[in-house]
């Protein structure tokens, strides 16, 4: 039996991380990276797809947004830090 990667939210919802990209998987990208990417795309020597993804990933944070309760789970070096939506 293969152990599939999953993440359980505090509300009990289980997010399956083994099916490719899902709507609940997000990336926080620093605004400066977006500016740099835009500038690079406006030049005649545009970045390759590999370089584009390297530029997106630089300093970015992987995020899981629970589709049941909207909690955000930000991935860091020590695992996920969870943030709860306030009303």
PDB file of N, CA and C in Angstrom:
ATOM      1  N   UNK A   1       0.832  -1.175   0.000  1.00  0.00           N
ATOM      2  CA  UNK A   1       0.000   0.000   0.000  1.00  0.00           C
ATOM      3  C   UNK A   1       0.884   1.248   0.000  1.00  0.00           C
ATOM      4  N   UNK A   2       0.591   2.210  -0.894  1.00  0.00           N
ATOM      5  CA  UNK A   2       1.371   3.421  -1.019  1.00  0.00           C
ATOM      6  C   UNK A   2       0.792   4.490  -0.097  1.00  0.00           C
ATOM      7  N   UNK A   3       1.660   5.187   0.613  1.00  0.00           N
ATOM      8  CA  UNK A   3       1.239   6.249   1.515  1.00  0.00           C
ATOM      9  C   UNK A   3       1.113   7.547   0.722  1.00  0.00           C
ATOM     10  N   UNK A   4      -0.122   8.019   0.529  1.00  0.00           N
ATOM     11  CA  UNK A   4      -0.372   9.224  -0.259  1.00  0.00           C
ATOM     12  C   UNK A   4      -0.204  10.462   0.627  1.00  0.00           C
ATOM     13  N   UNK A   5       0.439  11.537   0.105  1.00  0.00           N
ATOM     14  CA  UNK A   5       0.583  12.749   0.908  1.00  0.00           C
ATOM     15  C   UNK A   5      -0.756  13.466   1.075  1.00  0.00           C
ATOM     16  N   UNK A   6      -1.064  13.764   2.321  1.00  0.00           N
ATOM     17  CA  UNK A   6      -2.303  14.458   2.661  1.00  0.00           C
ATOM     18  C   UNK A   6      -2.001  15.450   3.768  1.00  0.00           C
ATOM     19  N   UNK A   7      -2.866  16.438   3.886  1.00  0.00           N
ATOM     20  CA  UNK A   7      -2.736  17.395   4.982  1.00  0.00           C
ATOM     21  C   UNK A   7      -4.099  17.547   5.630  1.00  0.00           C
ATOM     22  N   UNK A   8      -4.150  17.361   6.947  1.00  0.00           N
ATOM     23  CA  UNK A   8      -5.403  17.498   7.692  1.00  0.00           C
ATOM     24  C   UNK A   8      -5.477  18.875   8.315  1.00  0.00           C
ATOM     25  N   UNK A   9      -6.528  19.606   7.968  1.00  0.00           N
ATOM     26  CA  UNK A   9      -6.774  20.914   8.560  1.00  0.00           C
ATOM     27  C   UNK A   9      -7.279  20.717   9.991  1.00  0.00           C
ATOM     28  N   UNK A  10      -7.180  21.752  10.791  1.00  0.00           N
ATOM     29  CA  UNK A  10      -7.662  21.701  12.173  1.00  0.00           C
ATOM     30  C   UNK A  10      -9.168  21.471  12.250  1.00  0.00           C
ATOM     31  N   UNK A  11      -9.898  21.812  11.171  1.00  0.00           N
ATOM     32  CA  UNK A  11     -11.352  21.612  11.160  1.00  0.00           C
ATOM     33  C   UNK A  11     -11.717  20.158  10.847  1.00  0.00           C
ATOM     34  N   UNK A  12     -10.714  19.345  10.465  1.00  0.00           N
ATOM     35  CA  UNK A  12     -10.951  17.944  10.157  1.00  0.00           C
ATOM     36  C   UNK A  12     -10.947  17.624   8.670  1.00  0.00           C
ATOM     37  N   UNK A  13     -10.978  18.643   7.811  1.00  0.00           N
ATOM     38  CA  UNK A  13     -10.956  18.400   6.368  1.00  0.00           C
ATOM     39  C   UNK A  13      -9.564  17.911   5.956  1.00  0.00           C
ATOM     40  N   UNK A  14      -9.531  16.871   5.128  1.00  0.00           N
ATOM     41  CA  UNK A  14      -8.264  16.307   4.651  1.00  0.00           C
ATOM     42  C   UNK A  14      -8.054  16.717   3.204  1.00  0.00           C
ATOM     43  N   UNK A  15      -6.906  17.349   2.941  1.00  0.00           N
ATOM     44  CA  UNK A  15      -6.553  17.781   1.588  1.00  0.00           C
ATOM     45  C   UNK A  15      -5.574  16.786   0.990  1.00  0.00           C
ATOM     46  N   UNK A  16      -5.934  16.226  -0.143  1.00  0.00           N
ATOM     47  CA  UNK A  16      -5.095  15.257  -0.838  1.00  0.00           C
ATOM     48  C   UNK A  16      -4.068  16.031  -1.660  1.00  0.00           C
ATOM     49  N   UNK A  17      -2.782  15.831  -1.375  1.00  0.00           N
ATOM     50  CA  UNK A  17      -1.707  16.561  -2.046  1.00  0.00           C
ATOM     51  C   UNK A  17      -1.049  15.745  -3.150  1.00  0.00           C
ATOM     52  N   UNK A  18      -1.632  14.618  -3.506  1.00  0.00           N
ATOM     53  CA  UNK A  18      -0.983  13.729  -4.479  1.00  0.00           C
ATOM     54  C   UNK A  18      -1.654  13.725  -5.844  1.00  0.00           C
ATOM     55  N   UNK A  19      -2.598  14.607  -6.087  1.00  0.00           N
ATOM     56  CA  UNK A  19      -3.334  14.570  -7.356  1.00  0.00           C
ATOM     57  C   UNK A  19      -2.887  15.656  -8.326  1.00  0.00           C
ATOM     58  N   UNK A  20      -1.724  16.236  -8.114  1.00  0.00           N
ATOM     59  CA  UNK A  20      -1.309  17.368  -8.946  1.00  0.00           C
ATOM     60  C   UNK A  20      -1.793  18.637  -8.281  1.00  0.00           C
ATOM     61  N   UNK A  21      -1.777  19.732  -9.016  1.00  0.00           N
ATOM     62  CA  UNK A  21      -2.181  21.020  -8.437  1.00  0.00           C
ATOM     63  C   UNK A  21      -3.680  21.053  -8.209  1.00  0.00           C
ATOM     64  N   UNK A  22      -4.070  21.482  -7.028  1.00  0.00           N
ATOM     65  CA  UNK A  22      -5.472  21.604  -6.655  1.00  0.00           C
ATOM     66  C   UNK A  22      -5.811  23.065  -6.424  1.00  0.00           C
ATOM     67  N   UNK A  23      -7.095  23.374  -6.416  1.00  0.00           N
ATOM     68  CA  UNK A  23      -7.530  24.752  -6.193  1.00  0.00           C
ATOM     69  C   UNK A  23      -7.139  25.274  -4.812  1.00  0.00           C
ATOM     70  N   UNK A  24      -6.871  24.395  -3.864  1.00  0.00           N
ATOM     71  CA  UNK A  24      -6.524  24.843  -2.516  1.00  0.00           C
ATOM     72  C   UNK A  24      -5.024  25.067  -2.341  1.00  0.00           C
ATOM     73  N   UNK A  25      -4.216  24.755  -3.359  1.00  0.00           N
ATOM     74  CA  UNK A  25      -2.773  24.978  -3.288  1.00  0.00           C
ATOM     75  C   UNK A  25      -2.446  26.323  -3.938  1.00  0.00           C
ATOM     76  N   UNK A  26      -1.846  27.216  -3.144  1.00  0.00           N
ATOM     77  CA  UNK A  26      -1.557  28.572  -3.579  1.00  0.00           C
ATOM     78  C   UNK A  26      -0.084  28.894  -3.350  1.00  0.00           C
ATOM     79  N   UNK A  27       0.356  30.017  -3.925  1.00  0.00           N
ATOM     80  CA  UNK A  27       1.711  30.505  -3.708  1.00  0.00           C
ATOM     81  C   UNK A  27       1.656  31.999  -3.433  1.00  0.00           C
ATOM     82  N   UNK A  28       2.271  32.420  -2.340  1.00  0.00           N
ATOM     83  CA  UNK A  28       2.445  33.848  -2.061  1.00  0.00           C
ATOM     84  C   UNK A  28       3.756  34.279  -2.701  1.00  0.00           C
ATOM     85  N   UNK A  29       3.673  35.290  -3.547  1.00  0.00           N
ATOM     86  CA  UNK A  29       4.851  35.760  -4.277  1.00  0.00           C
ATOM     87  C   UNK A  29       5.139  37.197  -3.873  1.00  0.00           C
ATOM     88  N   UNK A  30       6.373  37.514  -3.467  1.00  0.00           N
ATOM     89  CA  UNK A  30       6.691  38.897  -3.118  1.00  0.00           C
ATOM     90  C   UNK A  30       6.428  39.837  -4.303  1.00  0.00           C
ATOM     91  N   UNK A  31       5.900  41.001  -4.006  1.00  0.00           N
ATOM     92  CA  UNK A  31       5.577  41.984  -5.044  1.00  0.00           C
ATOM     93  C   UNK A  31       6.804  42.317  -5.892  1.00  0.00           C
ATOM     94  N   UNK A  32       7.966  42.386  -5.262  1.00  0.00           N
ATOM     95  CA  UNK A  32       9.195  42.693  -6.019  1.00  0.00           C
ATOM     96  C   UNK A  32       9.472  41.622  -7.070  1.00  0.00           C
ATOM     97  N   UNK A  33       9.189  40.356  -6.748  1.00  0.00           N
ATOM     98  CA  UNK A  33       9.367  39.285  -7.738  1.00  0.00           C
ATOM     99  C   UNK A  33       8.453  39.508  -8.938  1.00  0.00           C
ATOM    100  N   UNK A  34       7.210  39.912  -8.676  1.00  0.00           N
ATOM    101  CA  UNK A  34       6.266  40.153  -9.760  1.00  0.00           C
ATOM    102  C   UNK A  34       6.775  41.278 -10.655  1.00  0.00           C
ATOM    103  N   UNK A  35       7.293  42.344 -10.044  1.00  0.00           N
ATOM    104  CA  UNK A  35       7.858  43.452 -10.819  1.00  0.00           C
ATOM    105  C   UNK A  35       9.045  42.974 -11.662  1.00  0.00           C
ATOM    106  N   UNK A  36       9.927  42.187 -11.037  1.00  0.00           N
ATOM    107  CA  UNK A  36      11.108  41.681 -11.762  1.00  0.00           C
ATOM    108  C   UNK A  36      10.707  40.782 -12.925  1.00  0.00           C
ATOM    109  N   UNK A  37       9.713  39.939 -12.719  1.00  0.00           N
ATOM    110  CA  UNK A  37       9.238  39.051 -13.781  1.00  0.00           C
ATOM    111  C   UNK A  37       8.631  39.868 -14.911  1.00  0.00           C
ATOM    112  N   UNK A  38       7.814  40.856 -14.564  1.00  0.00           N
ATOM    113  CA  UNK A  38       7.220  41.727 -15.577  1.00  0.00           C
ATOM    114  C   UNK A  38       8.282  42.433 -16.396  1.00  0.00           C
ATOM    115  N   UNK A  39       9.302  42.956 -15.716  1.00  0.00           N
ATOM    116  CA  UNK A  39      10.399  43.620 -16.432  1.00  0.00           C
ATOM    117  C   UNK A  39      11.123  42.649 -17.350  1.00  0.00           C
ATOM    118  N   UNK A  40      11.378  41.431 -16.865  1.00  0.00           N
ATOM    119  CA  UNK A  40      12.082  40.428 -17.673  1.00  0.00           C
ATOM    120  C   UNK A  40      11.266  40.020 -18.898  1.00  0.00           C
ATOM    121  N   UNK A  41       9.949  39.942 -18.746  1.00  0.00           N
ATOM    122  CA  UNK A  41       9.092  39.553 -19.871  1.00  0.00           C
ATOM    123  C   UNK A  41       8.986  40.659 -20.916  1.00  0.00           C
ATOM    124  N   UNK A  42       9.286  41.896 -20.521  1.00  0.00           N
ATOM    125  CA  UNK A  42       9.200  43.030 -21.446  1.00  0.00           C
ATOM    126  C   UNK A  42      10.483  43.231 -22.242  1.00  0.00           C
ATOM    127  N   UNK A  43      11.494  42.399 -22.012  1.00  0.00           N
ATOM    128  CA  UNK A  43      12.750  42.531 -22.745  1.00  0.00           C
ATOM    129  C   UNK A  43      12.775  41.587 -23.940  1.00  0.00           C
ATOM    130  N   UNK A  44      13.585  41.910 -24.957  1.00  0.00           N
ATOM    131  CA  UNK A  44      13.695  41.001 -26.106  1.00  0.00           C
ATOM    132  C   UNK A  44      14.255  39.625 -25.713  1.00  0.00           C
ATOM    133  N   UNK A  45      15.088  39.592 -24.664  1.00  0.00           N
ATOM    134  CA  UNK A  45      15.692  38.331 -24.205  1.00  0.00           C
ATOM    135  C   UNK A  45      14.854  37.763 -23.062  1.00  0.00           C
ATOM    136  N   UNK A  46      13.634  37.340 -23.376  1.00  0.00           N
ATOM    137  CA  UNK A  46      12.689  36.852 -22.366  1.00  0.00           C
ATOM    138  C   UNK A  46      13.239  35.616 -21.641  1.00  0.00           C
ATOM    139  N   UNK A  47      12.840  35.434 -20.373  1.00  0.00           N
ATOM    140  CA  UNK A  47      13.316  34.246 -19.643  1.00  0.00           C
ATOM    141  C   UNK A  47      12.717  32.964 -20.227  1.00  0.00           C
ATOM    142  N   UNK A  48      13.478  31.888 -20.110  1.00  0.00           N
ATOM    143  CA  UNK A  48      12.973  30.572 -20.499  1.00  0.00           C
ATOM    144  C   UNK A  48      11.893  30.168 -19.503  1.00  0.00           C
ATOM    145  N   UNK A  49      11.068  29.183 -19.834  1.00  0.00           N
ATOM    146  CA  UNK A  49      10.088  28.720 -18.847  1.00  0.00           C
ATOM    147  C   UNK A  49      10.743  28.309 -17.522  1.00  0.00           C
ATOM    148  N   UNK A  50      11.907  27.653 -17.587  1.00  0.00           N
ATOM    149  CA  UNK A  50      12.594  27.241 -16.357  1.00  0.00           C
ATOM    150  C   UNK A  50      13.000  28.451 -15.530  1.00  0.00           C
ATOM    151  N   UNK A  51      13.549  29.472 -16.188  1.00  0.00           N
ATOM    152  CA  UNK A  51      13.964  30.695 -15.486  1.00  0.00           C
ATOM    153  C   UNK A  51      12.743  31.423 -14.920  1.00  0.00           C
ATOM    154  N   UNK A  52      11.643  31.441 -15.673  1.00  0.00           N
ATOM    155  CA  UNK A  52      10.407  32.065 -15.202  1.00  0.00           C
ATOM    156  C   UNK A  52       9.973  31.441 -13.877  1.00  0.00           C
ATOM    157  N   UNK A  53       9.934  30.107 -13.814  1.00  0.00           N
ATOM    158  CA  UNK A  53       9.520  29.433 -12.578  1.00  0.00           C
ATOM    159  C   UNK A  53      10.513  29.649 -11.451  1.00  0.00           C
ATOM    160  N   UNK A  54      11.797  29.738 -11.766  1.00  0.00           N
ATOM    161  CA  UNK A  54      12.792  30.058 -10.744  1.00  0.00           C
ATOM    162  C   UNK A  54      12.520  31.443 -10.158  1.00  0.00           C
ATOM    163  N   UNK A  55      12.173  32.398 -11.027  1.00  0.00           N
ATOM    164  CA  UNK A  55      11.892  33.760 -10.574  1.00  0.00           C
ATOM    165  C   UNK A  55      10.623  33.794  -9.713  1.00  0.00           C
ATOM    166  N   UNK A  56       9.615  33.023 -10.092  1.00  0.00           N
ATOM    167  CA  UNK A  56       8.377  32.952  -9.303  1.00  0.00           C
ATOM    168  C   UNK A  56       8.666  32.328  -7.942  1.00  0.00           C
ATOM    169  N   UNK A  57       9.433  31.255  -7.928  1.00  0.00           N
ATOM    170  CA  UNK A  57       9.682  30.520  -6.685  1.00  0.00           C
ATOM    171  C   UNK A  57      10.600  31.251  -5.709  1.00  0.00           C
ATOM    172  N   UNK A  58      11.438  32.171  -6.189  1.00  0.00           N
ATOM    173  CA  UNK A  58      12.399  32.858  -5.325  1.00  0.00           C
ATOM    174  C   UNK A  58      11.663  33.642  -4.233  1.00  0.00           C
ATOM    175  N   UNK A  59      11.829  33.228  -2.999  1.00  0.00           N
ATOM    176  CA  UNK A  59      11.216  33.915  -1.875  1.00  0.00           C
ATOM    177  C   UNK A  59       9.723  33.675  -1.710  1.00  0.00           C
ATOM    178  N   UNK A  60       9.152  32.776  -2.510  1.00  0.00           N
ATOM    179  CA  UNK A  60       7.715  32.531  -2.411  1.00  0.00           C
ATOM    180  C   UNK A  60       7.400  31.594  -1.239  1.00  0.00           C
ATOM    181  N   UNK A  61       6.131  31.578  -0.861  1.00  0.00           N
ATOM    182  CA  UNK A  61       5.671  30.731   0.241  1.00  0.00           C
ATOM    183  C   UNK A  61       4.529  29.861  -0.275  1.00  0.00           C
ATOM    184  N   UNK A  62       4.643  28.559  -0.068  1.00  0.00           N
ATOM    185  CA  UNK A  62       3.560  27.640  -0.440  1.00  0.00           C
ATOM    186  C   UNK A  62       2.456  27.726   0.613  1.00  0.00           C
ATOM    187  N   UNK A  63       1.212  27.749   0.127  1.00  0.00           N
ATOM    188  CA  UNK A  63       0.054  27.931   0.997  1.00  0.00           C
ATOM    189  C   UNK A  63      -1.012  26.895   0.658  1.00  0.00           C
ATOM    190  N   UNK A  64      -1.648  26.366   1.677  1.00  0.00           N
ATOM    191  CA  UNK A  64      -2.840  25.542   1.497  1.00  0.00           C
ATOM    192  C   UNK A  64      -4.013  26.329   2.089  1.00  0.00           C
ATOM    193  N   UNK A  65      -5.096  26.465   1.325  1.00  0.00           N
ATOM    194  CA  UNK A  65      -6.303  27.136   1.828  1.00  0.00           C
ATOM    195  C   UNK A  65      -7.387  26.079   1.941  1.00  0.00           C
ATOM    196  N   UNK A  66      -7.809  25.823   3.159  1.00  0.00           N
ATOM    197  CA  UNK A  66      -8.808  24.784   3.397  1.00  0.00           C
ATOM    198  C   UNK A  66     -10.118  25.165   2.704  1.00  0.00           C
ATOM    199  N   UNK A  67     -10.633  24.296   1.833  1.00  0.00           N
ATOM    200  CA  UNK A  67     -11.883  24.600   1.144  1.00  0.00           C
ATOM    201  C   UNK A  67     -13.104  24.532   2.058  1.00  0.00           C
ATOM    202  N   UNK A  68     -12.932  23.989   3.252  1.00  0.00           N
ATOM    203  CA  UNK A  68     -14.067  23.869   4.174  1.00  0.00           C
ATOM    204  C   UNK A  68     -14.175  25.065   5.112  1.00  0.00           C
ATOM    205  N   UNK A  69     -13.038  25.526   5.665  1.00  0.00           N
ATOM    206  CA  UNK A  69     -13.101  26.583   6.684  1.00  0.00           C
ATOM    207  C   UNK A  69     -12.309  27.840   6.321  1.00  0.00           C
ATOM    208  N   UNK A  70     -11.605  27.834   5.200  1.00  0.00           N
ATOM    209  CA  UNK A  70     -10.799  28.970   4.719  1.00  0.00           C
ATOM    210  C   UNK A  70      -9.552  29.255   5.554  1.00  0.00           C
ATOM    211  N   UNK A  71      -9.160  28.347   6.440  1.00  0.00           N
ATOM    212  CA  UNK A  71      -7.890  28.551   7.138  1.00  0.00           C
ATOM    213  C   UNK A  71      -6.762  28.537   6.099  1.00  0.00           C
ATOM    214  N   UNK A  72      -5.733  29.347   6.367  1.00  0.00           N
ATOM    215  CA  UNK A  72      -4.539  29.340   5.530  1.00  0.00           C
ATOM    216  C   UNK A  72      -3.431  28.625   6.284  1.00  0.00           C
ATOM    217  N   UNK A  73      -2.745  27.732   5.583  1.00  0.00           N
ATOM    218  CA  UNK A  73      -1.629  26.983   6.148  1.00  0.00           C
ATOM    219  C   UNK A  73      -0.399  27.347   5.321  1.00  0.00           C
ATOM    220  N   UNK A  74       0.515  28.152   5.903  1.00  0.00           N
ATOM    221  CA  UNK A  74       1.710  28.604   5.220  1.00  0.00           C
ATOM    222  C   UNK A  74       2.866  27.680   5.561  1.00  0.00           C
ATOM    223  N   UNK A  75       3.533  27.182   4.521  1.00  0.00           N
ATOM    224  CA  UNK A  75       4.613  26.227   4.726  1.00  0.00           C
ATOM    225  C   UNK A  75       5.926  26.950   5.003  1.00  0.00           C
ATOM    226  N   UNK A  76       6.556  26.564   6.095  1.00  0.00           N
ATOM    227  CA  UNK A  76       7.861  27.102   6.466  1.00  0.00           C
ATOM    228  C   UNK A  76       8.844  25.967   6.653  1.00  0.00           C
ATOM    229  N   UNK A  77       9.997  26.289   7.167  1.00  0.00           N
ATOM    230  CA  UNK A  77      11.041  25.278   7.358  1.00  0.00           C
ATOM    231  C   UNK A  77      10.629  24.212   8.368  1.00  0.00           C
ATOM    232  N   UNK A  78       9.838  24.585   9.360  1.00  0.00           N
ATOM    233  CA  UNK A  78       9.452  23.649  10.418  1.00  0.00           C
ATOM    234  C   UNK A  78       8.064  23.057  10.201  1.00  0.00           C
ATOM    235  N   UNK A  79       7.509  23.201   9.003  1.00  0.00           N
ATOM    236  CA  UNK A  79       6.170  22.686   8.735  1.00  0.00           C
ATOM    237  C   UNK A  79       5.225  23.829   8.418  1.00  0.00           C
ATOM    238  N   UNK A  80       3.953  23.620   8.689  1.00  0.00           N
ATOM    239  CA  UNK A  80       2.924  24.615   8.367  1.00  0.00           C
ATOM    240  C   UNK A  80       2.563  25.455   9.582  1.00  0.00           C
ATOM    241  N   UNK A  81       2.343  26.748   9.350  1.00  0.00           N
ATOM    242  CA  UNK A  81       1.784  27.655  10.346  1.00  0.00           C
ATOM    243  C   UNK A  81       0.378  27.975   9.886  1.00  0.00           C
ATOM    244  N   UNK A  82      -0.595  27.871  10.782  1.00  0.00           N
ATOM    245  CA  UNK A  82      -2.005  28.034  10.417  1.00  0.00           C
ATOM    246  C   UNK A  82      -2.534  29.390  10.860  1.00  0.00           C
ATOM    247  N   UNK A  83      -3.324  29.988   9.953  1.00  0.00           N
ATOM    248  CA  UNK A  83      -3.971  31.271  10.223  1.00  0.00           C
ATOM    249  C   UNK A  83      -5.467  31.097  10.044  1.00  0.00           C
ATOM    250  N   UNK A  84      -6.247  31.594  10.996  1.00  0.00           N
ATOM    251  CA  UNK A  84      -7.700  31.459  10.982  1.00  0.00           C
ATOM    252  C   UNK A  84      -8.311  32.783  10.532  1.00  0.00           C
ATOM    253  N   UNK A  85      -9.305  32.685   9.690  1.00  0.00           N
ATOM    254  CA  UNK A  85     -10.041  33.854   9.218  1.00  0.00           C
ATOM    255  C   UNK A  85     -10.825  34.475  10.365  1.00  0.00           C
ATOM    256  N   UNK A  86     -10.722  35.787  10.513  1.00  0.00           N
ATOM    257  CA  UNK A  86     -11.459  36.486  11.555  1.00  0.00           C
ATOM    258  C   UNK A  86     -12.648  37.203  10.932  1.00  0.00           C
ATOM    259  N   UNK A  87     -13.738  37.196  11.631  1.00  0.00           N
ATOM    260  CA  UNK A  87     -14.957  37.877  11.158  1.00  0.00           C
ATOM    261  C   UNK A  87     -15.016  39.247  11.768  1.00  0.00           C
TER     262      UNK A  87
END
